[in-house]
Amino acid sequence: MTRATAALQREQELRKHPTPTIHSSNEEALSADALSKLL
């Protein structure tokens, strides 16, 4: 499994179980960063 795939799965899990915390928003930022590197 690649890091990008792991990031996508983490993002999907976050969408399933939204937790309005600084940590979750940071995770989303990391996922967005990983996706931007793919494009």
PDB file of N, CA and C in Angstrom:
ATOM      1  N   MET A   1       0.851  -1.204   0.000  1.00  0.00           N
ATOM      2  CA  MET A   1       0.000   0.000   0.000  1.00  0.00           C
ATOM      3  C   MET A   1       0.888   1.256   0.000  1.00  0.00           C
ATOM      4  N   THR A   2       0.564   2.184  -0.851  1.00  0.00           N
ATOM      5  CA  THR A   2       1.352   3.403  -0.922  1.00  0.00           C
ATOM      6  C   THR A   2       0.867   4.418   0.109  1.00  0.00           C
ATOM      7  N   ARG A   3       1.674   5.423   0.343  1.00  0.00           N
ATOM      8  CA  ARG A   3       1.290   6.461   1.303  1.00  0.00           C
ATOM      9  C   ARG A   3       0.052   7.195   0.828  1.00  0.00           C
ATOM     10  N   ALA A   4      -0.039   7.391  -0.481  1.00  0.00           N
ATOM     11  CA  ALA A   4      -1.195   8.099  -1.043  1.00  0.00           C
ATOM     12  C   ALA A   4      -2.476   7.311  -0.786  1.00  0.00           C
ATOM     13  N   THR A   5      -2.403   5.998  -0.983  1.00  0.00           N
ATOM     14  CA  THR A   5      -3.570   5.150  -0.743  1.00  0.00           C
ATOM     15  C   THR A   5      -3.956   5.198   0.724  1.00  0.00           C
ATOM     16  N   ALA A   6      -2.964   5.150   1.596  1.00  0.00           N
ATOM     17  CA  ALA A   6      -3.225   5.211   3.034  1.00  0.00           C
ATOM     18  C   ALA A   6      -3.870   6.546   3.395  1.00  0.00           C
ATOM     19  N   ALA A   7      -3.401   7.622   2.767  1.00  0.00           N
ATOM     20  CA  ALA A   7      -3.955   8.945   3.029  1.00  0.00           C
ATOM     21  C   ALA A   7      -5.413   9.014   2.594  1.00  0.00           C
ATOM     22  N   LEU A   8      -5.702   8.423   1.441  1.00  0.00           N
ATOM     23  CA  LEU A   8      -7.079   8.412   0.952  1.00  0.00           C
ATOM     24  C   LEU A   8      -7.981   7.634   1.905  1.00  0.00           C
ATOM     25  N   GLN A   9      -7.523   6.502   2.380  1.00  0.00           N
ATOM     26  CA  GLN A   9      -8.321   5.698   3.292  1.00  0.00           C
ATOM     27  C   GLN A   9      -8.548   6.433   4.604  1.00  0.00           C
ATOM     28  N   ARG A  10      -7.516   7.124   5.081  1.00  0.00           N
ATOM     29  CA  ARG A  10      -7.650   7.899   6.327  1.00  0.00           C
ATOM     30  C   ARG A  10      -8.670   9.011   6.134  1.00  0.00           C
ATOM     31  N   GLU A  11      -8.632   9.648   4.975  1.00  0.00           N
ATOM     32  CA  GLU A  11      -9.576  10.735   4.689  1.00  0.00           C
ATOM     33  C   GLU A  11     -11.004  10.195   4.661  1.00  0.00           C
ATOM     34  N   GLN A  12     -11.184   9.017   4.062  1.00  0.00           N
ATOM     35  CA  GLN A  12     -12.510   8.407   4.013  1.00  0.00           C
ATOM     36  C   GLN A  12     -12.995   8.074   5.419  1.00  0.00           C
ATOM     37  N   GLU A  13     -12.100   7.574   6.266  1.00  0.00           N
ATOM     38  CA  GLU A  13     -12.462   7.252   7.650  1.00  0.00           C
ATOM     39  C   GLU A  13     -12.854   8.511   8.395  1.00  0.00           C
ATOM     40  N   LEU A  14     -12.140   9.613   8.140  1.00  0.00           N
ATOM     41  CA  LEU A  14     -12.454  10.879   8.792  1.00  0.00           C
ATOM     42  C   LEU A  14     -13.828  11.373   8.364  1.00  0.00           C
ATOM     43  N   ARG A  15     -14.170  11.145   7.112  1.00  0.00           N
ATOM     44  CA  ARG A  15     -15.489  11.564   6.616  1.00  0.00           C
ATOM     45  C   ARG A  15     -16.589  10.712   7.246  1.00  0.00           C
ATOM     46  N   LYS A  16     -16.293   9.441   7.503  1.00  0.00           N
ATOM     47  CA  LYS A  16     -17.281   8.560   8.131  1.00  0.00           C
ATOM     48  C   LYS A  16     -17.503   8.953   9.584  1.00  0.00           C
ATOM     49  N   HIS A  17     -16.399   9.321  10.247  1.00  0.00           N
ATOM     50  CA  HIS A  17     -16.474   9.664  11.668  1.00  0.00           C
ATOM     51  C   HIS A  17     -15.861  11.044  11.886  1.00  0.00           C
ATOM     52  N   PRO A  18     -16.601  12.099  11.524  1.00  0.00           N
ATOM     53  CA  PRO A  18     -16.077  13.460  11.648  1.00  0.00           C
ATOM     54  C   PRO A  18     -15.868  13.851  13.105  1.00  0.00           C
ATOM     55  N   THR A  19     -14.682  14.340  13.377  1.00  0.00           N
ATOM     56  CA  THR A  19     -14.396  14.821  14.726  1.00  0.00           C
ATOM     57  C   THR A  19     -13.842  16.230  14.615  1.00  0.00           C
ATOM     58  N   PRO A  20     -14.651  17.220  14.947  1.00  0.00           N
ATOM     59  CA  PRO A  20     -14.237  18.630  14.813  1.00  0.00           C
ATOM     60  C   PRO A  20     -13.146  19.001  15.806  1.00  0.00           C
ATOM     61  N   THR A  21     -11.935  18.550  15.512  1.00  0.00           N
ATOM     62  CA  THR A  21     -10.809  18.877  16.385  1.00  0.00           C
ATOM     63  C   THR A  21      -9.661  19.382  15.547  1.00  0.00           C
ATOM     64  N   ILE A  22      -8.679  19.975  16.191  1.00  0.00           N
ATOM     65  CA  ILE A  22      -7.510  20.477  15.476  1.00  0.00           C
ATOM     66  C   ILE A  22      -6.788  19.320  14.803  1.00  0.00           C
ATOM     67  N   HIS A  23      -6.780  18.165  15.482  1.00  0.00           N
ATOM     68  CA  HIS A  23      -6.084  16.999  14.947  1.00  0.00           C
ATOM     69  C   HIS A  23      -6.706  16.552  13.623  1.00  0.00           C
ATOM     70  N   SER A  24      -8.025  16.495  13.577  1.00  0.00           N
ATOM     71  CA  SER A  24      -8.688  16.036  12.356  1.00  0.00           C
ATOM     72  C   SER A  24      -8.447  17.018  11.210  1.00  0.00           C
ATOM     73  N   SER A  25      -8.489  18.306  11.511  1.00  0.00           N
ATOM     74  CA  SER A  25      -8.250  19.291  10.455  1.00  0.00           C
ATOM     75  C   SER A  25      -6.808  19.184   9.965  1.00  0.00           C
ATOM     76  N   ASN A  26      -5.904  18.846  10.879  1.00  0.00           N
ATOM     77  CA  ASN A  26      -4.503  18.661  10.499  1.00  0.00           C
ATOM     78  C   ASN A  26      -4.374  17.439   9.608  1.00  0.00           C
ATOM     79  N   GLU A  27      -5.108  16.380   9.929  1.00  0.00           N
ATOM     80  CA  GLU A  27      -5.091  15.167   9.102  1.00  0.00           C
ATOM     81  C   GLU A  27      -5.593  15.484   7.698  1.00  0.00           C
ATOM     82  N   GLU A  28      -6.656  16.301   7.619  1.00  0.00           N
ATOM     83  CA  GLU A  28      -7.200  16.665   6.313  1.00  0.00           C
ATOM     84  C   GLU A  28      -6.169  17.453   5.515  1.00  0.00           C
ATOM     85  N   ALA A  29      -5.430  18.315   6.195  1.00  0.00           N
ATOM     86  CA  ALA A  29      -4.407  19.108   5.520  1.00  0.00           C
ATOM     87  C   ALA A  29      -3.311  18.187   4.977  1.00  0.00           C
ATOM     88  N   LEU A  30      -2.934  17.189   5.774  1.00  0.00           N
ATOM     89  CA  LEU A  30      -1.912  16.240   5.334  1.00  0.00           C
ATOM     90  C   LEU A  30      -2.411  15.435   4.135  1.00  0.00           C
ATOM     91  N   SER A  31      -3.690  15.042   4.179  1.00  0.00           N
ATOM     92  CA  SER A  31      -4.258  14.274   3.072  1.00  0.00           C
ATOM     93  C   SER A  31      -4.282  15.129   1.805  1.00  0.00           C
ATOM     94  N   ALA A  32      -4.673  16.388   1.954  1.00  0.00           N
ATOM     95  CA  ALA A  32      -4.729  17.294   0.808  1.00  0.00           C
ATOM     96  C   ALA A  32      -3.335  17.485   0.235  1.00  0.00           C
ATOM     97  N   ASP A  33      -2.336  17.566   1.126  1.00  0.00           N
ATOM     98  CA  ASP A  33      -0.961  17.730   0.676  1.00  0.00           C
ATOM     99  C   ASP A  33      -0.511  16.499  -0.105  1.00  0.00           C
ATOM    100  N   ALA A  34      -0.873  15.324   0.404  1.00  0.00           N
ATOM    101  CA  ALA A  34      -0.501  14.075  -0.268  1.00  0.00           C
ATOM    102  C   ALA A  34      -1.175  13.989  -1.639  1.00  0.00           C
ATOM    103  N   LEU A  35      -2.442  14.404  -1.703  1.00  0.00           N
ATOM    104  CA  LEU A  35      -3.162  14.365  -2.979  1.00  0.00           C
ATOM    105  C   LEU A  35      -2.561  15.361  -3.972  1.00  0.00           C
ATOM    106  N   SER A  36      -2.172  16.527  -3.475  1.00  0.00           N
ATOM    107  CA  SER A  36      -1.600  17.540  -4.370  1.00  0.00           C
ATOM    108  C   SER A  36      -0.294  17.046  -4.972  1.00  0.00           C
ATOM    109  N   LYS A  37       0.444  16.220  -4.224  1.00  0.00           N
ATOM    110  CA  LYS A  37       1.696  15.687  -4.742  1.00  0.00           C
ATOM    111  C   LYS A  37       1.439  14.652  -5.841  1.00  0.00           C
ATOM    112  N   LEU A  38       0.269  14.011  -5.779  1.00  0.00           N
ATOM    113  CA  LEU A  38      -0.074  13.028  -6.810  1.00  0.00           C
ATOM    114  C   LEU A  38      -0.417  13.719  -8.130  1.00  0.00           C
ATOM    115  N   LEU A  39      -1.056  14.872  -8.037  1.00  0.00           N
ATOM    116  CA  LEU A  39      -1.510  15.559  -9.242  1.00  0.00           C
ATOM    117  C   LEU A  39      -0.382  16.258  -9.985  1.00  0.00           C
TER     118      LEU A  39
END
